[in-house]
Amino acid sequence: MGRRTTDEIVAETLVPHLPTKAYRDISFLTGSKARTLRIMAEYLEPEARFEREEVDRTAVFFGSARSRPLDEVQSDLDEAKRRRAPSEEISALENALRLAHYYEDARTLAKLLTQWGRQLCDNDGDGFVLASEGGPGMMEA
C-alpha cells in the first residue's frame, strides 16, 4: 500500500468518527440496558409474523419448562423411594409432583381449546391458532 496523501490525512482527521447506531450495536442490544427492547421484540416479531401469515385469532400458552407429566414424575418418585435416593432428590421430585397438575391442566385446556377451535372453523371457516414457546415442559403439553 502506498503512502497516503496530505489530503487523505487531513480528510481523515477532519471527518468525525460516527458512532454505531444503537439498533446495530450487538453489545448494547444484548446488555442489561436493552432488556426492554428485547421484550418488545419478542412481542412485535411474532405479531408481524402472524400478520404476514394472516393469522387473526390466537391463544398463547406460557408456562414452566420445568413442569412434567404427572405419571412421569410419579414414576420417578416411586423409583427414587424404592432405591432410597438422597433426600434432596426425593424433595425435588415431590416439588415436581406438586407442579405436575399444572402440566395436566394445560394439557386439558389445550385439548378443549383445540376442539372448540375446530368447531368454530366448521361453523364459520375461521378457527384460531394455539401457540406456545415450544417446550419442554408445559409448553409441549
N, C-alpha and C. Protein backbone atom coordinates (compact mmCIF):
# COMPACT_ATOMS: atom_id res chain seq x y z
N MET A 1 0.85 -1.17 0.00
CA MET A 1 0.00 0.00 0.00
C MET A 1 0.90 1.23 0.00
N GLY A 2 0.55 2.21 -0.84
CA GLY A 2 1.37 3.41 -0.98
C GLY A 2 1.17 4.37 0.18
N ARG A 3 1.97 5.39 0.13
CA ARG A 3 1.85 6.42 1.16
C ARG A 3 0.59 7.22 0.94
N ARG A 4 0.01 7.67 2.04
CA ARG A 4 -1.20 8.48 1.94
C ARG A 4 -0.83 9.91 1.61
N THR A 5 -1.73 10.54 0.89
CA THR A 5 -1.50 11.94 0.53
C THR A 5 -1.88 12.82 1.70
N THR A 6 -1.41 14.06 1.65
CA THR A 6 -1.77 15.03 2.68
C THR A 6 -3.27 15.24 2.71
N ASP A 7 -3.92 15.28 1.56
CA ASP A 7 -5.38 15.46 1.50
C ASP A 7 -6.11 14.32 2.21
N GLU A 8 -5.63 13.09 2.03
CA GLU A 8 -6.26 11.94 2.68
C GLU A 8 -6.11 12.02 4.20
N ILE A 9 -4.95 12.41 4.65
CA ILE A 9 -4.70 12.53 6.09
C ILE A 9 -5.56 13.63 6.68
N VAL A 10 -5.65 14.77 6.02
CA VAL A 10 -6.46 15.89 6.50
C VAL A 10 -7.94 15.49 6.52
N ALA A 11 -8.42 14.85 5.45
CA ALA A 11 -9.83 14.44 5.38
C ALA A 11 -10.16 13.46 6.49
N GLU A 12 -9.26 12.53 6.76
CA GLU A 12 -9.48 11.55 7.82
C GLU A 12 -9.52 12.22 9.18
N THR A 13 -8.71 13.23 9.37
CA THR A 13 -8.64 13.93 10.65
C THR A 13 -9.86 14.81 10.86
N LEU A 14 -10.35 15.44 9.81
CA LEU A 14 -11.46 16.38 9.94
C LEU A 14 -12.84 15.71 10.00
N VAL A 15 -12.97 14.51 9.46
CA VAL A 15 -14.27 13.82 9.47
C VAL A 15 -14.42 13.12 10.81
N PRO A 16 -15.42 13.52 11.58
CA PRO A 16 -15.58 12.88 12.89
C PRO A 16 -16.01 11.41 12.72
N HIS A 17 -15.58 10.60 13.67
CA HIS A 17 -15.99 9.19 13.68
C HIS A 17 -17.46 9.12 14.09
N LEU A 18 -18.27 8.48 13.28
CA LEU A 18 -19.69 8.35 13.59
C LEU A 18 -19.90 7.12 14.46
N PRO A 19 -20.60 7.29 15.58
CA PRO A 19 -20.83 6.13 16.45
C PRO A 19 -21.78 5.12 15.79
N THR A 20 -21.67 3.89 16.21
CA THR A 20 -22.56 2.84 15.71
C THR A 20 -23.98 3.14 16.17
N LYS A 21 -24.93 2.98 15.27
CA LYS A 21 -26.33 3.15 15.64
C LYS A 21 -26.68 2.11 16.70
N ALA A 22 -27.49 2.49 17.67
CA ALA A 22 -27.84 1.59 18.77
C ALA A 22 -28.48 0.30 18.28
N TYR A 23 -29.32 0.39 17.25
CA TYR A 23 -30.01 -0.81 16.76
C TYR A 23 -29.07 -1.75 16.00
N ARG A 24 -27.82 -1.32 15.74
CA ARG A 24 -26.82 -2.19 15.10
C ARG A 24 -25.73 -2.62 16.09
N ASP A 25 -25.80 -2.13 17.31
CA ASP A 25 -24.78 -2.40 18.32
C ASP A 25 -25.16 -3.66 19.12
N ILE A 26 -24.58 -4.78 18.73
CA ILE A 26 -24.92 -6.06 19.35
C ILE A 26 -24.59 -6.07 20.83
N SER A 27 -23.47 -5.48 21.23
CA SER A 27 -23.12 -5.48 22.65
C SER A 27 -24.14 -4.70 23.47
N PHE A 28 -24.69 -3.63 22.91
CA PHE A 28 -25.75 -2.89 23.60
C PHE A 28 -27.03 -3.71 23.63
N LEU A 29 -27.42 -4.25 22.47
CA LEU A 29 -28.69 -4.98 22.37
C LEU A 29 -28.73 -6.21 23.27
N THR A 30 -27.59 -6.81 23.54
CA THR A 30 -27.57 -8.00 24.39
C THR A 30 -27.27 -7.67 25.85
N GLY A 31 -27.08 -6.39 26.15
CA GLY A 31 -26.78 -5.97 27.52
C GLY A 31 -28.03 -5.70 28.34
N SER A 32 -27.83 -5.44 29.61
CA SER A 32 -28.95 -5.26 30.54
C SER A 32 -29.78 -4.01 30.23
N LYS A 33 -29.17 -2.97 29.70
CA LYS A 33 -29.90 -1.73 29.41
C LYS A 33 -30.93 -1.89 28.30
N ALA A 34 -30.76 -2.89 27.45
CA ALA A 34 -31.68 -3.08 26.31
C ALA A 34 -32.71 -4.18 26.57
N ARG A 35 -32.86 -4.59 27.81
CA ARG A 35 -33.82 -5.66 28.13
C ARG A 35 -35.22 -5.31 27.66
N THR A 36 -35.65 -4.08 27.88
CA THR A 36 -36.98 -3.64 27.45
C THR A 36 -37.13 -3.78 25.94
N LEU A 37 -36.09 -3.45 25.19
CA LEU A 37 -36.15 -3.61 23.73
C LEU A 37 -36.30 -5.07 23.33
N ARG A 38 -35.59 -5.95 24.03
CA ARG A 38 -35.68 -7.38 23.70
C ARG A 38 -37.08 -7.91 24.02
N ILE A 39 -37.66 -7.45 25.12
CA ILE A 39 -39.02 -7.87 25.46
C ILE A 39 -39.99 -7.38 24.39
N MET A 40 -39.85 -6.14 23.97
CA MET A 40 -40.72 -5.61 22.91
C MET A 40 -40.54 -6.39 21.61
N ALA A 41 -39.30 -6.75 21.29
CA ALA A 41 -39.04 -7.52 20.07
C ALA A 41 -39.71 -8.89 20.14
N GLU A 42 -39.74 -9.49 21.33
CA GLU A 42 -40.40 -10.79 21.50
C GLU A 42 -41.91 -10.68 21.30
N TYR A 43 -42.45 -9.51 21.49
CA TYR A 43 -43.87 -9.27 21.22
C TYR A 43 -44.09 -8.90 19.74
N LEU A 44 -43.31 -7.96 19.25
CA LEU A 44 -43.53 -7.42 17.90
C LEU A 44 -43.20 -8.39 16.77
N GLU A 45 -42.14 -9.17 16.94
CA GLU A 45 -41.75 -10.09 15.85
C GLU A 45 -42.82 -11.14 15.59
N PRO A 46 -43.35 -11.83 16.61
CA PRO A 46 -44.44 -12.79 16.33
C PRO A 46 -45.69 -12.10 15.78
N GLU A 47 -45.98 -10.90 16.27
CA GLU A 47 -47.14 -10.17 15.75
C GLU A 47 -46.97 -9.92 14.25
N ALA A 48 -45.79 -9.50 13.84
CA ALA A 48 -45.53 -9.26 12.41
C ALA A 48 -45.62 -10.57 11.62
N ARG A 49 -45.13 -11.65 12.20
CA ARG A 49 -45.20 -12.95 11.53
C ARG A 49 -46.65 -13.39 11.38
N PHE A 50 -47.47 -13.21 12.43
CA PHE A 50 -48.89 -13.56 12.35
C PHE A 50 -49.59 -12.75 11.27
N GLU A 51 -49.30 -11.45 11.21
CA GLU A 51 -49.90 -10.61 10.17
C GLU A 51 -49.50 -11.09 8.78
N ARG A 52 -48.22 -11.42 8.61
CA ARG A 52 -47.73 -11.89 7.32
C ARG A 52 -48.41 -13.20 6.91
N GLU A 53 -48.68 -14.07 7.89
CA GLU A 53 -49.30 -15.37 7.62
C GLU A 53 -50.83 -15.32 7.72
N GLU A 54 -51.37 -14.11 7.95
CA GLU A 54 -52.82 -13.88 8.05
C GLU A 54 -53.47 -14.69 9.17
N VAL A 55 -52.78 -14.76 10.29
CA VAL A 55 -53.32 -15.40 11.49
C VAL A 55 -53.99 -14.31 12.31
N ASP A 56 -55.32 -14.41 12.45
CA ASP A 56 -56.07 -13.37 13.14
C ASP A 56 -56.32 -13.68 14.61
N ARG A 57 -56.62 -14.92 14.91
CA ARG A 57 -57.01 -15.27 16.27
C ARG A 57 -56.02 -16.29 16.83
N THR A 58 -55.53 -15.99 18.01
CA THR A 58 -54.58 -16.91 18.65
C THR A 58 -54.90 -17.06 20.13
N ALA A 59 -54.53 -18.19 20.67
CA ALA A 59 -54.48 -18.41 22.11
C ALA A 59 -53.04 -18.82 22.39
N VAL A 60 -52.37 -18.10 23.27
CA VAL A 60 -50.96 -18.34 23.52
C VAL A 60 -50.78 -18.92 24.91
N PHE A 61 -50.02 -20.00 25.00
CA PHE A 61 -49.71 -20.64 26.27
C PHE A 61 -48.31 -20.25 26.72
N PHE A 62 -48.18 -19.84 27.96
CA PHE A 62 -46.89 -19.61 28.58
C PHE A 62 -46.85 -20.45 29.84
N GLY A 63 -45.71 -20.96 30.20
CA GLY A 63 -45.63 -21.76 31.41
C GLY A 63 -44.22 -22.21 31.68
N SER A 64 -44.11 -23.09 32.65
CA SER A 64 -42.81 -23.54 33.11
C SER A 64 -42.23 -24.64 32.22
N ALA A 65 -40.97 -24.47 31.88
CA ALA A 65 -40.26 -25.53 31.14
C ALA A 65 -39.87 -26.67 32.07
N ARG A 66 -40.01 -26.46 33.37
CA ARG A 66 -39.64 -27.48 34.34
C ARG A 66 -40.78 -28.42 34.68
N SER A 67 -41.99 -28.08 34.29
CA SER A 67 -43.13 -28.95 34.62
C SER A 67 -43.09 -30.21 33.77
N ARG A 68 -43.59 -31.28 34.34
CA ARG A 68 -43.57 -32.58 33.67
C ARG A 68 -44.91 -33.28 33.87
N PRO A 69 -45.21 -34.26 33.04
CA PRO A 69 -46.47 -35.01 33.19
C PRO A 69 -46.53 -35.73 34.53
N LEU A 70 -47.72 -35.80 35.09
CA LEU A 70 -47.95 -36.41 36.40
C LEU A 70 -47.44 -37.84 36.46
N ASP A 71 -47.79 -38.66 35.47
CA ASP A 71 -47.39 -40.08 35.52
C ASP A 71 -45.87 -40.24 35.46
N GLU A 72 -45.20 -39.38 34.72
CA GLU A 72 -43.74 -39.44 34.62
C GLU A 72 -43.08 -39.08 35.95
N VAL A 73 -43.56 -38.02 36.59
CA VAL A 73 -42.99 -37.59 37.87
C VAL A 73 -43.28 -38.63 38.94
N GLN A 74 -44.51 -39.14 38.96
CA GLN A 74 -44.88 -40.14 39.97
C GLN A 74 -44.01 -41.38 39.82
N SER A 75 -43.77 -41.81 38.61
CA SER A 75 -42.91 -42.98 38.35
C SER A 75 -41.48 -42.72 38.84
N ASP A 76 -40.95 -41.54 38.55
CA ASP A 76 -39.60 -41.20 39.00
C ASP A 76 -39.52 -41.14 40.52
N LEU A 77 -40.56 -40.61 41.16
CA LEU A 77 -40.59 -40.52 42.62
C LEU A 77 -40.65 -41.91 43.24
N ASP A 78 -41.51 -42.77 42.70
CA ASP A 78 -41.61 -44.14 43.22
C ASP A 78 -40.28 -44.87 43.09
N GLU A 79 -39.62 -44.70 41.95
CA GLU A 79 -38.32 -45.34 41.72
C GLU A 79 -37.27 -44.79 42.69
N ALA A 80 -37.27 -43.49 42.90
CA ALA A 80 -36.31 -42.87 43.82
C ALA A 80 -36.51 -43.38 45.25
N LYS A 81 -37.76 -43.50 45.66
CA LYS A 81 -38.05 -44.02 47.00
C LYS A 81 -37.64 -45.48 47.11
N ARG A 82 -37.89 -46.26 46.05
CA ARG A 82 -37.55 -47.68 46.05
C ARG A 82 -36.05 -47.89 46.24
N ARG A 83 -35.25 -47.07 45.58
CA ARG A 83 -33.79 -47.22 45.68
C ARG A 83 -33.19 -46.37 46.79
N ARG A 84 -34.06 -45.78 47.61
CA ARG A 84 -33.62 -44.97 48.76
C ARG A 84 -32.66 -43.86 48.33
N ALA A 85 -33.14 -43.06 47.39
CA ALA A 85 -32.36 -41.94 46.86
C ALA A 85 -32.12 -40.90 47.95
N PRO A 86 -31.13 -40.04 47.75
CA PRO A 86 -30.87 -38.97 48.73
C PRO A 86 -32.11 -38.10 48.93
N SER A 87 -32.23 -37.54 50.13
CA SER A 87 -33.42 -36.75 50.47
C SER A 87 -33.60 -35.55 49.54
N GLU A 88 -32.50 -34.98 49.04
CA GLU A 88 -32.60 -33.84 48.12
C GLU A 88 -33.31 -34.25 46.83
N GLU A 89 -33.01 -35.44 46.33
CA GLU A 89 -33.65 -35.93 45.11
C GLU A 89 -35.13 -36.19 45.35
N ILE A 90 -35.45 -36.81 46.49
CA ILE A 90 -36.85 -37.08 46.84
C ILE A 90 -37.61 -35.77 46.96
N SER A 91 -37.01 -34.80 47.64
CA SER A 91 -37.65 -33.49 47.83
C SER A 91 -37.90 -32.80 46.50
N ALA A 92 -36.92 -32.85 45.60
CA ALA A 92 -37.08 -32.22 44.28
C ALA A 92 -38.21 -32.89 43.50
N LEU A 93 -38.30 -34.21 43.58
CA LEU A 93 -39.37 -34.92 42.88
C LEU A 93 -40.74 -34.64 43.51
N GLU A 94 -40.78 -34.50 44.82
CA GLU A 94 -42.05 -34.14 45.48
C GLU A 94 -42.50 -32.75 45.05
N ASN A 95 -41.55 -31.82 44.91
CA ASN A 95 -41.89 -30.49 44.39
C ASN A 95 -42.40 -30.58 42.96
N ALA A 96 -41.74 -31.39 42.14
CA ALA A 96 -42.17 -31.57 40.76
C ALA A 96 -43.57 -32.18 40.71
N LEU A 97 -43.86 -33.07 41.65
CA LEU A 97 -45.19 -33.69 41.71
C LEU A 97 -46.26 -32.64 42.02
N ARG A 98 -45.92 -31.68 42.88
CA ARG A 98 -46.88 -30.61 43.20
C ARG A 98 -47.16 -29.73 41.97
N LEU A 99 -46.18 -29.58 41.09
CA LEU A 99 -46.36 -28.78 39.87
C LEU A 99 -47.02 -29.56 38.74
N ALA A 100 -46.98 -30.88 38.81
CA ALA A 100 -47.43 -31.72 37.69
C ALA A 100 -48.90 -31.49 37.35
N HIS A 101 -49.72 -31.12 38.33
CA HIS A 101 -51.14 -30.92 38.00
C HIS A 101 -51.32 -29.73 37.06
N TYR A 102 -50.41 -28.75 37.12
CA TYR A 102 -50.49 -27.62 36.18
C TYR A 102 -50.22 -28.10 34.75
N TYR A 103 -49.29 -29.02 34.61
CA TYR A 103 -49.00 -29.61 33.31
C TYR A 103 -50.25 -30.30 32.78
N GLU A 104 -50.88 -31.10 33.64
CA GLU A 104 -52.09 -31.83 33.23
C GLU A 104 -53.23 -30.85 32.92
N ASP A 105 -53.35 -29.78 33.71
CA ASP A 105 -54.37 -28.76 33.44
C ASP A 105 -54.13 -28.09 32.08
N ALA A 106 -52.87 -27.79 31.78
CA ALA A 106 -52.53 -27.18 30.49
C ALA A 106 -52.85 -28.12 29.35
N ARG A 107 -52.58 -29.39 29.53
CA ARG A 107 -52.89 -30.39 28.51
C ARG A 107 -54.41 -30.45 28.26
N THR A 108 -55.19 -30.45 29.35
CA THR A 108 -56.65 -30.48 29.22
C THR A 108 -57.17 -29.22 28.54
N LEU A 109 -56.66 -28.06 28.97
CA LEU A 109 -57.10 -26.80 28.37
C LEU A 109 -56.74 -26.74 26.88
N ALA A 110 -55.55 -27.17 26.52
CA ALA A 110 -55.15 -27.18 25.11
C ALA A 110 -56.07 -28.07 24.28
N LYS A 111 -56.44 -29.21 24.84
CA LYS A 111 -57.35 -30.12 24.13
C LYS A 111 -58.72 -29.46 23.95
N LEU A 112 -59.24 -28.86 25.01
CA LEU A 112 -60.56 -28.20 24.92
C LEU A 112 -60.54 -27.03 23.94
N LEU A 113 -59.48 -26.23 23.97
CA LEU A 113 -59.38 -25.11 23.03
C LEU A 113 -59.26 -25.59 21.59
N THR A 114 -58.52 -26.68 21.40
CA THR A 114 -58.39 -27.24 20.05
C THR A 114 -59.74 -27.71 19.53
N GLN A 115 -60.49 -28.41 20.38
CA GLN A 115 -61.83 -28.88 19.98
C GLN A 115 -62.74 -27.70 19.67
N TRP A 116 -62.70 -26.68 20.51
CA TRP A 116 -63.53 -25.50 20.30
C TRP A 116 -63.13 -24.79 19.01
N GLY A 117 -61.81 -24.66 18.78
CA GLY A 117 -61.33 -24.02 17.56
C GLY A 117 -61.76 -24.76 16.31
N ARG A 118 -61.74 -26.08 16.37
CA ARG A 118 -62.20 -26.87 15.22
C ARG A 118 -63.69 -26.66 14.99
N GLN A 119 -64.44 -26.57 16.07
CA GLN A 119 -65.88 -26.33 15.95
C GLN A 119 -66.14 -24.95 15.33
N LEU A 120 -65.39 -23.95 15.76
CA LEU A 120 -65.52 -22.61 15.17
C LEU A 120 -65.21 -22.66 13.68
N CYS A 121 -64.15 -23.37 13.34
CA CYS A 121 -63.74 -23.48 11.94
C CYS A 121 -64.82 -24.16 11.12
N ASP A 122 -65.44 -25.19 11.67
CA ASP A 122 -66.52 -25.89 10.97
C ASP A 122 -67.73 -24.98 10.77
N ASN A 123 -68.00 -24.12 11.77
CA ASN A 123 -69.18 -23.26 11.72
C ASN A 123 -69.01 -22.07 10.78
N ASP A 124 -67.89 -21.37 10.86
CA ASP A 124 -67.75 -20.15 10.05
C ASP A 124 -66.47 -20.11 9.22
N GLY A 125 -65.69 -21.17 9.26
CA GLY A 125 -64.47 -21.21 8.46
C GLY A 125 -63.29 -20.52 9.10
N ASP A 126 -63.50 -19.84 10.22
CA ASP A 126 -62.41 -19.15 10.91
C ASP A 126 -62.19 -19.78 12.28
N GLY A 127 -61.14 -20.53 12.42
CA GLY A 127 -60.76 -21.07 13.72
C GLY A 127 -59.74 -20.14 14.35
N PHE A 128 -58.87 -20.70 15.15
CA PHE A 128 -57.78 -19.91 15.70
C PHE A 128 -56.57 -20.81 15.87
N VAL A 129 -55.44 -20.18 16.12
CA VAL A 129 -54.17 -20.89 16.23
C VAL A 129 -53.77 -20.94 17.70
N LEU A 130 -53.42 -22.13 18.18
CA LEU A 130 -52.83 -22.27 19.51
C LEU A 130 -51.33 -22.13 19.36
N ALA A 131 -50.73 -21.29 20.18
CA ALA A 131 -49.30 -21.05 20.09
C ALA A 131 -48.66 -21.20 21.46
N SER A 132 -47.41 -21.62 21.46
CA SER A 132 -46.63 -21.69 22.69
C SER A 132 -45.18 -21.44 22.34
N GLU A 133 -44.36 -21.33 23.37
CA GLU A 133 -42.95 -21.14 23.11
C GLU A 133 -42.26 -22.47 22.82
N GLY A 134 -42.99 -23.56 22.84
CA GLY A 134 -42.47 -24.81 22.30
C GLY A 134 -42.13 -25.92 23.26
N GLY A 135 -41.52 -25.67 24.35
CA GLY A 135 -41.19 -26.76 25.25
C GLY A 135 -39.73 -26.70 25.65
N PRO A 136 -39.29 -27.56 26.47
CA PRO A 136 -40.02 -28.69 27.01
C PRO A 136 -40.99 -28.27 28.10
N GLY A 137 -41.55 -29.23 28.76
CA GLY A 137 -42.44 -28.95 29.88
C GLY A 137 -43.83 -28.60 29.43
N MET A 138 -44.44 -27.69 30.16
CA MET A 138 -45.84 -27.34 29.95
C MET A 138 -46.12 -26.86 28.54
N MET A 139 -45.14 -26.26 27.90
CA MET A 139 -45.35 -25.71 26.56
C MET A 139 -45.58 -26.79 25.51
N GLU A 140 -45.15 -28.01 25.79
CA GLU A 140 -45.40 -29.09 24.85
C GLU A 140 -46.65 -29.86 25.20
N ALA A 141 -47.26 -29.56 26.35
CA ALA A 141 -48.48 -30.25 26.77
C ALA A 141 -49.57 -30.00 25.77
